[in-house]
Amino acid sequence: MLAIVPFRGLDGAKTRLAAVLPPEERARLAHEMLERVLVACEGANSIRRTLLVTPDPSARRSGVDVLVDDGTGHAAAVALALADPRAQDGAVVVMADCPLVEPESLDALVAAAQPLSLVPARDGGVNALALRDPAAFRPGFGVPAADTVARARAVGIEPAILDDERLSLDVDRPEDYELALARL
């Protein structure tokens, strides 16, 4: 399966953490979390290839394909990647700011996708999603997980909803950052 990792880039990274981190530290944090996610993708048995979707081609990493997007957000980046021919045999989407992710979490997510599985974020969105046939369902990102589940059910797909703290934590707010520090 193809792993899709949307990444906004380092310029202006993690602005909601401005109260606790200066710009250079936020950029460093974004880069470190991206690296953790890419390493987890590389280590997952169910992932054969990783596609980094970003407006920042300097984020390139050896062994990872890059798809340059226009930087308008995760929803557009994921839609672009799912339309890419590399995703035709299935894809697992994981946000680049999930610092606790492990290869086993990604493998469990892929195994549960019959045909769709997802992990809700602590804040109610979707942090990770696996889809066997991207042509059968176009997930939305930046919307509540409940909306994604309802849209899937409306087209006859019953998603598996996984509760995995290694994927449910994304670092967007100061309290997320503190929780990530405590768990790393």
Protein backbone atom coordinates (compact mmCIF):
# COMPACT_ATOMS: atom_id res chain seq x y z
CA MET A 1 0.00 0.00 0.00
CA LEU A 2 1.13 3.57 -0.63
CA ALA A 3 1.63 5.84 2.39
CA ILE A 4 0.59 9.44 1.81
CA VAL A 5 2.03 12.04 4.18
CA PRO A 6 0.81 15.62 3.70
CA PHE A 7 3.25 18.23 5.02
CA ARG A 8 2.75 22.00 4.86
CA GLY A 9 6.46 22.70 5.01
CA LEU A 10 8.67 24.49 7.51
CA ASP A 11 7.84 28.07 6.61
CA GLY A 12 5.37 29.27 9.24
CA ALA A 13 5.11 25.78 10.76
CA LYS A 14 2.87 25.14 13.76
CA THR A 15 1.71 28.72 14.31
CA ARG A 16 -0.75 27.64 17.02
CA LEU A 17 2.29 26.80 19.15
CA ALA A 18 3.61 30.38 18.99
CA ALA A 19 2.74 30.94 22.66
CA VAL A 20 5.18 28.22 23.74
CA LEU A 21 7.80 27.99 20.95
CA PRO A 22 9.63 30.55 18.79
CA PRO A 23 9.50 30.10 14.98
CA GLU A 24 12.83 28.22 14.74
CA GLU A 25 11.74 25.70 17.38
CA ARG A 26 8.37 25.21 15.71
CA ALA A 27 10.14 24.49 12.40
CA ARG A 28 12.49 22.05 14.16
CA LEU A 29 9.53 20.32 15.82
CA ALA A 30 7.64 20.02 12.52
CA HIS A 31 10.72 18.53 10.86
CA GLU A 32 11.30 16.04 13.70
CA MET A 33 7.67 14.89 13.68
CA LEU A 34 7.77 14.46 9.91
CA GLU A 35 10.92 12.35 10.25
CA ARG A 36 9.22 10.13 12.87
CA VAL A 37 6.25 9.59 10.56
CA LEU A 38 8.45 8.79 7.56
CA VAL A 39 10.53 6.33 9.60
CA ALA A 40 7.34 4.62 10.79
CA CYS A 41 6.11 4.36 7.19
CA GLU A 42 9.45 2.88 6.14
CA GLY A 43 9.26 0.30 8.93
CA ALA A 44 5.65 -0.78 8.32
CA ASN A 45 5.35 -4.15 6.57
CA SER A 46 2.13 -3.09 4.84
CA ILE A 47 3.64 -0.01 3.19
CA ARG A 48 5.60 -0.49 -0.03
CA ARG A 49 6.18 3.16 -0.90
CA THR A 50 5.82 6.60 0.72
CA LEU A 51 4.62 9.76 -1.00
CA LEU A 52 5.32 13.08 0.74
CA VAL A 53 2.87 15.72 -0.47
CA THR A 54 4.21 19.20 0.18
CA PRO A 55 4.66 22.64 -1.32
CA ASP A 56 8.24 22.50 0.04
CA PRO A 57 10.39 20.19 -2.13
CA SER A 58 13.33 20.80 0.24
CA ALA A 59 11.56 18.43 2.65
CA ARG A 60 12.67 15.60 0.35
CA ARG A 61 14.14 12.55 2.06
CA SER A 62 15.99 9.63 0.54
CA GLY A 63 13.67 6.76 -0.35
CA VAL A 64 10.53 8.92 -0.27
CA ASP A 65 8.70 10.12 -3.38
CA VAL A 66 7.64 13.79 -3.39
CA LEU A 67 4.51 15.22 -4.93
CA VAL A 68 4.59 19.02 -4.91
CA ASP A 69 1.20 20.57 -4.16
CA ASP A 70 0.03 24.18 -4.08
CA GLY A 71 0.06 24.46 -0.29
CA THR A 72 -3.65 25.15 0.13
CA GLY A 73 -4.09 22.57 2.89
CA HIS A 74 -4.24 18.92 3.80
CA ALA A 75 -7.59 18.23 2.13
CA ALA A 76 -6.31 19.37 -1.26
CA ALA A 77 -2.95 17.63 -0.76
CA VAL A 78 -4.60 14.31 0.09
CA ALA A 79 -7.06 14.59 -2.81
CA LEU A 80 -4.15 15.24 -5.19
CA ALA A 81 -2.23 12.24 -3.86
CA LEU A 82 -5.22 9.89 -3.98
CA ALA A 83 -5.72 10.81 -7.63
CA ASP A 84 -2.08 9.95 -8.36
CA PRO A 85 -1.62 6.60 -10.16
CA ARG A 86 0.70 5.41 -7.37
CA ALA A 87 -2.34 5.29 -5.04
CA GLN A 88 -4.53 3.11 -7.27
CA ASP A 89 -3.85 -0.07 -5.27
CA GLY A 90 -4.72 1.51 -1.94
CA ALA A 91 -3.36 4.14 0.35
CA VAL A 92 -2.79 4.91 3.99
CA VAL A 93 -2.84 8.61 4.85
CA VAL A 94 -1.04 9.73 7.99
CA MET A 95 -0.62 13.30 9.15
CA ALA A 96 2.97 14.51 9.48
CA ASP A 97 2.47 15.76 13.04
CA CYS A 98 1.80 12.44 14.79
CA PRO A 99 4.98 12.09 16.90
CA LEU A 100 4.05 8.80 18.60
CA VAL A 101 3.38 6.80 15.42
CA GLU A 102 4.96 3.36 15.15
CA PRO A 103 5.10 0.94 12.21
CA GLU A 104 2.79 -1.47 14.07
CA SER A 105 0.08 1.19 14.28
CA LEU A 106 0.20 1.69 10.54
CA ASP A 107 0.13 -2.06 9.90
CA ALA A 108 -2.93 -2.43 12.16
CA LEU A 109 -4.67 0.43 10.36
CA VAL A 110 -4.02 -1.17 6.96
CA ALA A 111 -5.15 -4.62 8.18
CA ALA A 112 -8.42 -3.14 9.45
CA ALA A 113 -9.21 -1.42 6.13
CA GLN A 114 -11.91 -3.70 4.73
CA PRO A 115 -12.19 -1.45 2.74
CA LEU A 116 -11.77 1.62 4.99
CA SER A 117 -10.30 2.27 8.43
CA LEU A 118 -9.50 5.44 10.30
CA VAL A 119 -8.10 6.79 13.55
CA PRO A 120 -9.85 9.86 14.94
CA ALA A 121 -7.65 12.61 16.32
CA ARG A 122 -7.95 13.67 19.95
CA ASP A 123 -9.45 16.94 18.71
CA GLY A 124 -12.13 15.20 16.62
CA GLY A 125 -10.58 15.20 13.14
CA VAL A 126 -8.91 12.30 11.31
CA ASN A 127 -5.18 11.70 11.79
CA ALA A 128 -4.82 8.49 9.80
CA LEU A 129 -6.90 6.61 7.30
CA ALA A 130 -6.41 3.50 5.16
CA LEU A 131 -8.39 2.88 2.02
CA ARG A 132 -8.15 -0.20 -0.20
CA ASP A 133 -9.68 1.48 -3.27
CA PRO A 134 -9.25 5.25 -3.52
CA ALA A 135 -11.71 5.32 -6.44
CA ALA A 136 -14.50 3.98 -4.19
CA PHE A 137 -14.42 6.77 -1.61
CA ARG A 138 -12.78 10.20 -1.41
CA PRO A 139 -12.18 11.04 2.23
CA GLY A 140 -12.23 14.61 3.45
CA PHE A 141 -9.61 16.01 5.80
CA GLY A 142 -10.03 19.03 8.00
CA VAL A 143 -13.52 17.83 8.90
CA PRO A 144 -14.72 15.93 11.97
CA ALA A 145 -14.17 12.17 11.94
CA ALA A 146 -17.91 11.73 12.40
CA ASP A 147 -18.49 13.46 9.05
CA THR A 148 -16.03 11.12 7.31
CA VAL A 149 -17.76 8.10 8.87
CA ALA A 150 -21.20 9.40 7.82
CA ARG A 151 -20.01 10.07 4.24
CA ALA A 152 -18.56 6.54 4.01
CA ARG A 153 -21.76 4.97 5.30
CA ALA A 154 -23.79 7.04 2.83
CA VAL A 155 -22.00 5.26 -0.03
CA GLY A 156 -22.31 1.81 1.57
CA ILE A 157 -18.90 1.58 3.25
CA GLU A 158 -18.68 0.64 6.92
CA PRO A 159 -15.37 2.01 8.20
CA ALA A 160 -13.36 0.38 10.95
CA ILE A 161 -12.68 3.00 13.61
CA LEU A 162 -9.48 2.35 15.55
CA ASP A 163 -8.60 3.84 18.91
CA ASP A 164 -4.81 4.11 18.81
CA GLU A 165 -3.13 6.73 20.99
CA ARG A 166 0.01 6.49 18.86
CA LEU A 167 -1.98 7.88 15.93
CA SER A 168 -4.66 9.92 17.71
CA LEU A 169 -2.20 12.49 19.05
CA ASP A 170 -1.25 15.22 16.62
CA VAL A 171 0.59 18.29 17.81
CA ASP A 172 -1.43 21.38 16.98
CA ARG A 173 -1.95 23.14 20.32
CA PRO A 174 0.25 23.80 23.36
CA GLU A 175 -1.52 21.06 25.34
CA ASP A 176 -0.78 18.56 22.53
CA TYR A 177 2.87 19.56 22.64
CA GLU A 178 3.02 19.04 26.41
CA LEU A 179 1.34 15.63 26.09
CA ALA A 180 3.75 14.58 23.34
CA LEU A 181 6.74 15.61 25.46
CA ALA A 182 5.40 13.56 28.37
CA ARG A 183 4.97 10.44 26.20
CA LEU A 184 8.23 10.56 24.24
